[in-house]
PDB file of N, CA and C in Angstrom:
ATOM      1  N   MET A   1     -44.849   0.251  17.622  1.00  0.00           N
ATOM      2  CA  MET A   1     -44.191   1.511  17.911  1.00  0.00           C
ATOM      3  C   MET A   1     -45.068   2.641  17.404  1.00  0.00           C
ATOM      4  N   SER A   2     -45.107   3.709  18.147  1.00  0.00           N
ATOM      5  CA  SER A   2     -45.965   4.828  17.782  1.00  0.00           C
ATOM      6  C   SER A   2     -45.332   5.666  16.681  1.00  0.00           C
ATOM      7  N   PHE A   3     -46.187   6.496  16.085  1.00  0.00           N
ATOM      8  CA  PHE A   3     -45.710   7.368  15.013  1.00  0.00           C
ATOM      9  C   PHE A   3     -44.612   8.295  15.517  1.00  0.00           C
ATOM     10  N   ASN A   4     -44.807   8.886  16.708  1.00  0.00           N
ATOM     11  CA  ASN A   4     -43.787   9.783  17.273  1.00  0.00           C
ATOM     12  C   ASN A   4     -42.500   9.025  17.577  1.00  0.00           C
ATOM     13  N   GLY A   5     -42.629   7.783  18.022  1.00  0.00           N
ATOM     14  CA  GLY A   5     -41.448   6.968  18.278  1.00  0.00           C
ATOM     15  C   GLY A   5     -40.684   6.684  17.007  1.00  0.00           C
ATOM     16  N   ASP A   6     -41.425   6.403  15.921  1.00  0.00           N
ATOM     17  CA  ASP A   6     -40.775   6.169  14.629  1.00  0.00           C
ATOM     18  C   ASP A   6     -40.048   7.419  14.156  1.00  0.00           C
ATOM     19  N   GLU A   7     -40.694   8.553  14.314  1.00  0.00           N
ATOM     20  CA  GLU A   7     -40.067   9.810  13.874  1.00  0.00           C
ATOM     21  C   GLU A   7     -38.806  10.098  14.676  1.00  0.00           C
ATOM     22  N   SER A   8     -38.834   9.836  15.962  1.00  0.00           N
ATOM     23  CA  SER A   8     -37.648  10.076  16.782  1.00  0.00           C
ATOM     24  C   SER A   8     -36.532   9.099  16.406  1.00  0.00           C
ATOM     25  N   LEU A   9     -36.902   7.842  16.080  1.00  0.00           N
ATOM     26  CA  LEU A   9     -35.894   6.880  15.628  1.00  0.00           C
ATOM     27  C   LEU A   9     -35.298   7.305  14.284  1.00  0.00           C
ATOM     28  N   ARG A  10     -36.141   7.793  13.391  1.00  0.00           N
ATOM     29  CA  ARG A  10     -35.644   8.253  12.080  1.00  0.00           C
ATOM     30  C   ARG A  10     -34.692   9.441  12.244  1.00  0.00           C
ATOM     31  N   ALA A  11     -35.030  10.351  13.157  1.00  0.00           N
ATOM     32  CA  ALA A  11     -34.163  11.506  13.414  1.00  0.00           C
ATOM     33  C   ALA A  11     -32.814  11.033  13.968  1.00  0.00           C
ATOM     34  N   ARG A  12     -32.865  10.087  14.892  1.00  0.00           N
ATOM     35  CA  ARG A  12     -31.632   9.548  15.473  1.00  0.00           C
ATOM     36  C   ARG A  12     -30.818   8.824  14.405  1.00  0.00           C
ATOM     37  N   LEU A  13     -31.510   8.096  13.523  1.00  0.00           N
ATOM     38  CA  LEU A  13     -30.847   7.396  12.427  1.00  0.00           C
ATOM     39  C   LEU A  13     -30.102   8.378  11.532  1.00  0.00           C
ATOM     40  N   LEU A  14     -30.727   9.508  11.232  1.00  0.00           N
ATOM     41  CA  LEU A  14     -30.064  10.530  10.410  1.00  0.00           C
ATOM     42  C   LEU A  14     -28.826  11.088  11.111  1.00  0.00           C
ATOM     43  N   GLU A  15     -28.937  11.338  12.408  1.00  0.00           N
ATOM     44  CA  GLU A  15     -27.797  11.855  13.169  1.00  0.00           C
ATOM     45  C   GLU A  15     -26.633  10.864  13.147  1.00  0.00           C
ATOM     46  N   LEU A  16     -26.947   9.605  13.402  1.00  0.00           N
ATOM     47  CA  LEU A  16     -25.901   8.582  13.425  1.00  0.00           C
ATOM     48  C   LEU A  16     -25.272   8.396  12.050  1.00  0.00           C
ATOM     49  N   SER A  17     -26.093   8.435  11.011  1.00  0.00           N
ATOM     50  CA  SER A  17     -25.574   8.276   9.646  1.00  0.00           C
ATOM     51  C   SER A  17     -24.644   9.423   9.285  1.00  0.00           C
ATOM     52  N   GLU A  18     -25.009  10.623   9.701  1.00  0.00           N
ATOM     53  CA  GLU A  18     -24.157  11.788   9.421  1.00  0.00           C
ATOM     54  C   GLU A  18     -22.828  11.671  10.168  1.00  0.00           C
ATOM     55  N   GLU A  19     -22.902  11.274  11.429  1.00  0.00           N
ATOM     56  CA  GLU A  19     -21.666  11.103  12.203  1.00  0.00           C
ATOM     57  C   GLU A  19     -20.797  10.006  11.587  1.00  0.00           C
ATOM     58  N   HIS A  20     -21.425   8.944  11.097  1.00  0.00           N
ATOM     59  CA  HIS A  20     -20.708   7.842  10.447  1.00  0.00           C
ATOM     60  C   HIS A  20     -19.963   8.350   9.215  1.00  0.00           C
ATOM     61  N   ARG A  21     -20.645   9.175   8.388  1.00  0.00           N
ATOM     62  CA  ARG A  21     -20.000   9.744   7.193  1.00  0.00           C
ATOM     63  C   ARG A  21     -18.854  10.676   7.581  1.00  0.00           C
ATOM     64  N   ASP A  22     -19.061  11.474   8.634  1.00  0.00           N
ATOM     65  CA  ASP A  22     -18.018  12.384   9.091  1.00  0.00           C
ATOM     66  C   ASP A  22     -16.779  11.614   9.561  1.00  0.00           C
ATOM     67  N   LEU A  23     -17.013  10.536  10.285  1.00  0.00           N
ATOM     68  CA  LEU A  23     -15.888   9.716  10.737  1.00  0.00           C
ATOM     69  C   LEU A  23     -15.150   9.099   9.558  1.00  0.00           C
ATOM     70  N   ASP A  24     -15.892   8.681   8.550  1.00  0.00           N
ATOM     71  CA  ASP A  24     -15.286   8.113   7.352  1.00  0.00           C
ATOM     72  C   ASP A  24     -14.368   9.136   6.692  1.00  0.00           C
ATOM     73  N   ALA A  25     -14.838  10.364   6.594  1.00  0.00           N
ATOM     74  CA  ALA A  25     -14.025  11.428   5.996  1.00  0.00           C
ATOM     75  C   ALA A  25     -12.799  11.729   6.854  1.00  0.00           C
ATOM     76  N   ALA A  26     -12.976  11.729   8.172  1.00  0.00           N
ATOM     77  CA  ALA A  26     -11.846  11.995   9.072  1.00  0.00           C
ATOM     78  C   ALA A  26     -10.801  10.891   8.978  1.00  0.00           C
ATOM     79  N   ILE A  27     -11.260   9.659   8.898  1.00  0.00           N
ATOM     80  CA  ILE A  27     -10.330   8.532   8.769  1.00  0.00           C
ATOM     81  C   ILE A  27      -9.561   8.628   7.456  1.00  0.00           C
ATOM     82  N   ASP A  28     -10.265   8.936   6.370  1.00  0.00           N
ATOM     83  CA  ASP A  28      -9.597   9.088   5.075  1.00  0.00           C
ATOM     84  C   ASP A  28      -8.555  10.202   5.119  1.00  0.00           C
ATOM     85  N   ALA A  29      -8.900  11.308   5.773  1.00  0.00           N
ATOM     86  CA  ALA A  29      -7.960  12.432   5.869  1.00  0.00           C
ATOM     87  C   ALA A  29      -6.723  12.035   6.671  1.00  0.00           C
ATOM     88  N   LEU A  30      -6.918  11.301   7.755  1.00  0.00           N
ATOM     89  CA  LEU A  30      -5.769  10.870   8.555  1.00  0.00           C
ATOM     90  C   LEU A  30      -4.896   9.877   7.793  1.00  0.00           C
ATOM     91  N   ILE A  31      -5.518   9.003   7.043  1.00  0.00           N
ATOM     92  CA  ILE A  31      -4.757   8.024   6.263  1.00  0.00           C
ATOM     93  C   ILE A  31      -3.940   8.727   5.180  1.00  0.00           C
ATOM     94  N   ASP A  32      -4.504   9.782   4.587  1.00  0.00           N
ATOM     95  CA  ASP A  32      -3.811  10.519   3.535  1.00  0.00           C
ATOM     96  C   ASP A  32      -2.722  11.445   4.069  1.00  0.00           C
ATOM     97  N   ALA A  33      -2.750  11.735   5.379  1.00  0.00           N
ATOM     98  CA  ALA A  33      -1.760  12.637   5.977  1.00  0.00           C
ATOM     99  C   ALA A  33      -0.376  11.988   5.935  1.00  0.00           C
ATOM    100  N   ARG A  34       0.628  12.819   5.847  1.00  0.00           N
ATOM    101  CA  ARG A  34       2.001  12.296   5.785  1.00  0.00           C
ATOM    102  C   ARG A  34       2.388  11.580   7.068  1.00  0.00           C
ATOM    103  N   ILE A  35       1.999  12.152   8.197  1.00  0.00           N
ATOM    104  CA  ILE A  35       2.295  11.523   9.483  1.00  0.00           C
ATOM    105  C   ILE A  35       0.994  10.900   9.979  1.00  0.00           C
ATOM    106  N   GLN A  36       0.959   9.587   9.966  1.00  0.00           N
ATOM    107  CA  GLN A  36      -0.266   8.896  10.348  1.00  0.00           C
ATOM    108  C   GLN A  36      -0.255   8.567  11.837  1.00  0.00           C
ATOM    109  N   ASP A  37      -1.379   8.825  12.474  1.00  0.00           N
ATOM    110  CA  ASP A  37      -1.557   8.486  13.885  1.00  0.00           C
ATOM    111  C   ASP A  37      -2.398   7.214  13.934  1.00  0.00           C
ATOM    112  N   GLN A  38      -1.725   6.082  13.969  1.00  0.00           N
ATOM    113  CA  GLN A  38      -2.408   4.789  13.893  1.00  0.00           C
ATOM    114  C   GLN A  38      -3.378   4.570  15.056  1.00  0.00           C
ATOM    115  N   LEU A  39      -3.014   5.041  16.240  1.00  0.00           N
ATOM    116  CA  LEU A  39      -3.889   4.880  17.399  1.00  0.00           C
ATOM    117  C   LEU A  39      -5.183   5.671  17.202  1.00  0.00           C
ATOM    118  N   LYS A  40      -5.065   6.902  16.726  1.00  0.00           N
ATOM    119  CA  LYS A  40      -6.249   7.722  16.487  1.00  0.00           C
ATOM    120  C   LYS A  40      -7.118   7.115  15.385  1.00  0.00           C
ATOM    121  N   ILE A  41      -6.488   6.615  14.338  1.00  0.00           N
ATOM    122  CA  ILE A  41      -7.231   5.974  13.246  1.00  0.00           C
ATOM    123  C   ILE A  41      -7.982   4.754  13.782  1.00  0.00           C
ATOM    124  N   ALA A  42      -7.325   3.958  14.609  1.00  0.00           N
ATOM    125  CA  ALA A  42      -7.968   2.763  15.173  1.00  0.00           C
ATOM    126  C   ALA A  42      -9.160   3.146  16.049  1.00  0.00           C
ATOM    127  N   ARG A  43      -9.010   4.215  16.842  1.00  0.00           N
ATOM    128  CA  ARG A  43     -10.122   4.665  17.693  1.00  0.00           C
ATOM    129  C   ARG A  43     -11.304   5.154  16.856  1.00  0.00           C
ATOM    130  N   LEU A  44     -11.004   5.887  15.799  1.00  0.00           N
ATOM    131  CA  LEU A  44     -12.070   6.378  14.929  1.00  0.00           C
ATOM    132  C   LEU A  44     -12.779   5.219  14.231  1.00  0.00           C
ATOM    133  N   LYS A  45     -12.011   4.232  13.797  1.00  0.00           N
ATOM    134  CA  LYS A  45     -12.618   3.069  13.150  1.00  0.00           C
ATOM    135  C   LYS A  45     -13.499   2.290  14.127  1.00  0.00           C
ATOM    136  N   LYS A  46     -13.056   2.196  15.378  1.00  0.00           N
ATOM    137  CA  LYS A  46     -13.856   1.506  16.391  1.00  0.00           C
ATOM    138  C   LYS A  46     -15.160   2.260  16.639  1.00  0.00           C
ATOM    139  N   ARG A  47     -15.086   3.584  16.721  1.00  0.00           N
ATOM    140  CA  ARG A  47     -16.291   4.400  16.909  1.00  0.00           C
ATOM    141  C   ARG A  47     -17.218   4.258  15.700  1.00  0.00           C
ATOM    142  N   LYS A  48     -16.639   4.238  14.504  1.00  0.00           N
ATOM    143  CA  LYS A  48     -17.428   4.096  13.275  1.00  0.00           C
ATOM    144  C   LYS A  48     -18.161   2.754  13.271  1.00  0.00           C
ATOM    145  N   LEU A  49     -17.503   1.714  13.709  1.00  0.00           N
ATOM    146  CA  LEU A  49     -18.132   0.397  13.769  1.00  0.00           C
ATOM    147  C   LEU A  49     -19.271   0.382  14.797  1.00  0.00           C
ATOM    148  N   ALA A  50     -19.069   1.035  15.933  1.00  0.00           N
ATOM    149  CA  ALA A  50     -20.124   1.115  16.941  1.00  0.00           C
ATOM    150  C   ALA A  50     -21.339   1.870  16.386  1.00  0.00           C
ATOM    151  N   LEU A  51     -21.082   2.937  15.636  1.00  0.00           N
ATOM    152  CA  LEU A  51     -22.175   3.685  15.016  1.00  0.00           C
ATOM    153  C   LEU A  51     -22.923   2.814  14.018  1.00  0.00           C
ATOM    154  N   LYS A  52     -22.173   2.026  13.250  1.00  0.00           N
ATOM    155  CA  LYS A  52     -22.805   1.141  12.268  1.00  0.00           C
ATOM    156  C   LYS A  52     -23.734   0.156  12.975  1.00  0.00           C
ATOM    157  N   ASP A  53     -23.304  -0.368  14.119  1.00  0.00           N
ATOM    158  CA  ASP A  53     -24.141  -1.285  14.889  1.00  0.00           C
ATOM    159  C   ASP A  53     -25.407  -0.590  15.389  1.00  0.00           C
ATOM    160  N   GLN A  54     -25.269   0.653  15.873  1.00  0.00           N
ATOM    161  CA  GLN A  54     -26.430   1.411  16.345  1.00  0.00           C
ATOM    162  C   GLN A  54     -27.394   1.688  15.198  1.00  0.00           C
ATOM    163  N   ILE A  55     -26.852   2.046  14.048  1.00  0.00           N
ATOM    164  CA  ILE A  55     -27.675   2.308  12.867  1.00  0.00           C
ATOM    165  C   ILE A  55     -28.455   1.048  12.500  1.00  0.00           C
ATOM    166  N   HIS A  56     -27.785  -0.078  12.520  1.00  0.00           N
ATOM    167  CA  HIS A  56     -28.432  -1.350  12.171  1.00  0.00           C
ATOM    168  C   HIS A  56     -29.572  -1.671  13.150  1.00  0.00           C
ATOM    169  N   GLN A  57     -29.343  -1.449  14.437  1.00  0.00           N
ATOM    170  CA  GLN A  57     -30.377  -1.721  15.437  1.00  0.00           C
ATOM    171  C   GLN A  57     -31.607  -0.840  15.224  1.00  0.00           C
ATOM    172  N   ILE A  58     -31.397   0.419  14.894  1.00  0.00           N
ATOM    173  CA  ILE A  58     -32.525   1.322  14.639  1.00  0.00           C
ATOM    174  C   ILE A  58     -33.263   0.894  13.384  1.00  0.00           C
ATOM    175  N   GLU A  59     -32.521   0.510  12.349  1.00  0.00           N
ATOM    176  CA  GLU A  59     -33.164   0.045  11.113  1.00  0.00           C
ATOM    177  C   GLU A  59     -34.030  -1.180  11.379  1.00  0.00           C
ATOM    178  N   ILE A  60     -33.576  -2.062  12.251  1.00  0.00           N
ATOM    179  CA  ILE A  60     -34.366  -3.240  12.620  1.00  0.00           C
ATOM    180  C   ILE A  60     -35.657  -2.803  13.319  1.00  0.00           C
ATOM    181  N   GLN A  61     -35.551  -1.826  14.212  1.00  0.00           N
ATOM    182  CA  GLN A  61     -36.731  -1.355  14.931  1.00  0.00           C
ATOM    183  C   GLN A  61     -37.735  -0.692  13.986  1.00  0.00           C
ATOM    184  N   LEU A  62     -37.239  -0.055  12.953  1.00  0.00           N
ATOM    185  CA  LEU A  62     -38.121   0.647  12.015  1.00  0.00           C
ATOM    186  C   LEU A  62     -38.728  -0.285  10.974  1.00  0.00           C
ATOM    187  N   THR A  63     -38.159  -1.464  10.795  1.00  0.00           N
ATOM    188  CA  THR A  63     -38.668  -2.415   9.810  1.00  0.00           C
ATOM    189  C   THR A  63     -39.846  -3.176  10.404  1.00  0.00           C
ATOM    190  N   PRO A  64     -40.996  -3.110   9.756  1.00  0.00           N
ATOM    191  CA  PRO A  64     -42.164  -3.810  10.315  1.00  0.00           C
ATOM    192  C   PRO A  64     -41.992  -5.321  10.219  1.00  0.00           C
ATOM    193  N   ASP A  65     -42.545  -6.004  11.214  1.00  0.00           N
ATOM    194  CA  ASP A  65     -42.526  -7.461  11.201  1.00  0.00           C
ATOM    195  C   ASP A  65     -43.557  -7.941  10.197  1.00  0.00           C
ATOM    196  N   ILE A  66     -43.116  -8.755   9.266  1.00  0.00           N
ATOM    197  CA  ILE A  66     -44.018  -9.295   8.259  1.00  0.00           C
ATOM    198  C   ILE A  66     -44.069 -10.810   8.442  1.00  0.00           C
ATOM    199  N   ILE A  67     -45.250 -11.312   8.651  1.00  0.00           N
ATOM    200  CA  ILE A  67     -45.416 -12.750   8.789  1.00  0.00           C
ATOM    201  C   ILE A  67     -45.615 -13.338   7.405  1.00  0.00           C
ATOM    202  N   ALA A  68     -44.728 -14.261   7.039  1.00  0.00           N
ATOM    203  CA  ALA A  68     -44.786 -14.855   5.699  1.00  0.00           C
ATOM    204  C   ALA A  68     -45.844 -15.903   5.603  1.00  0.00           C
TER     205      ALA A  68
END
């Protein structure tokens, strides 16, 4: 992978990580609310899990292959 490709992946990784943290905060706020919207919480958790998968895939791409 080229240097520019790595930089673009790192930028995307930062964006996804920030969105993941934001979703975590939103989920916590909804859980703490007196009237809980379980459907909305479930959707946010599903989106958070999808982001985690995307983050993991980018981390794999950024990790160099090391032959033992």
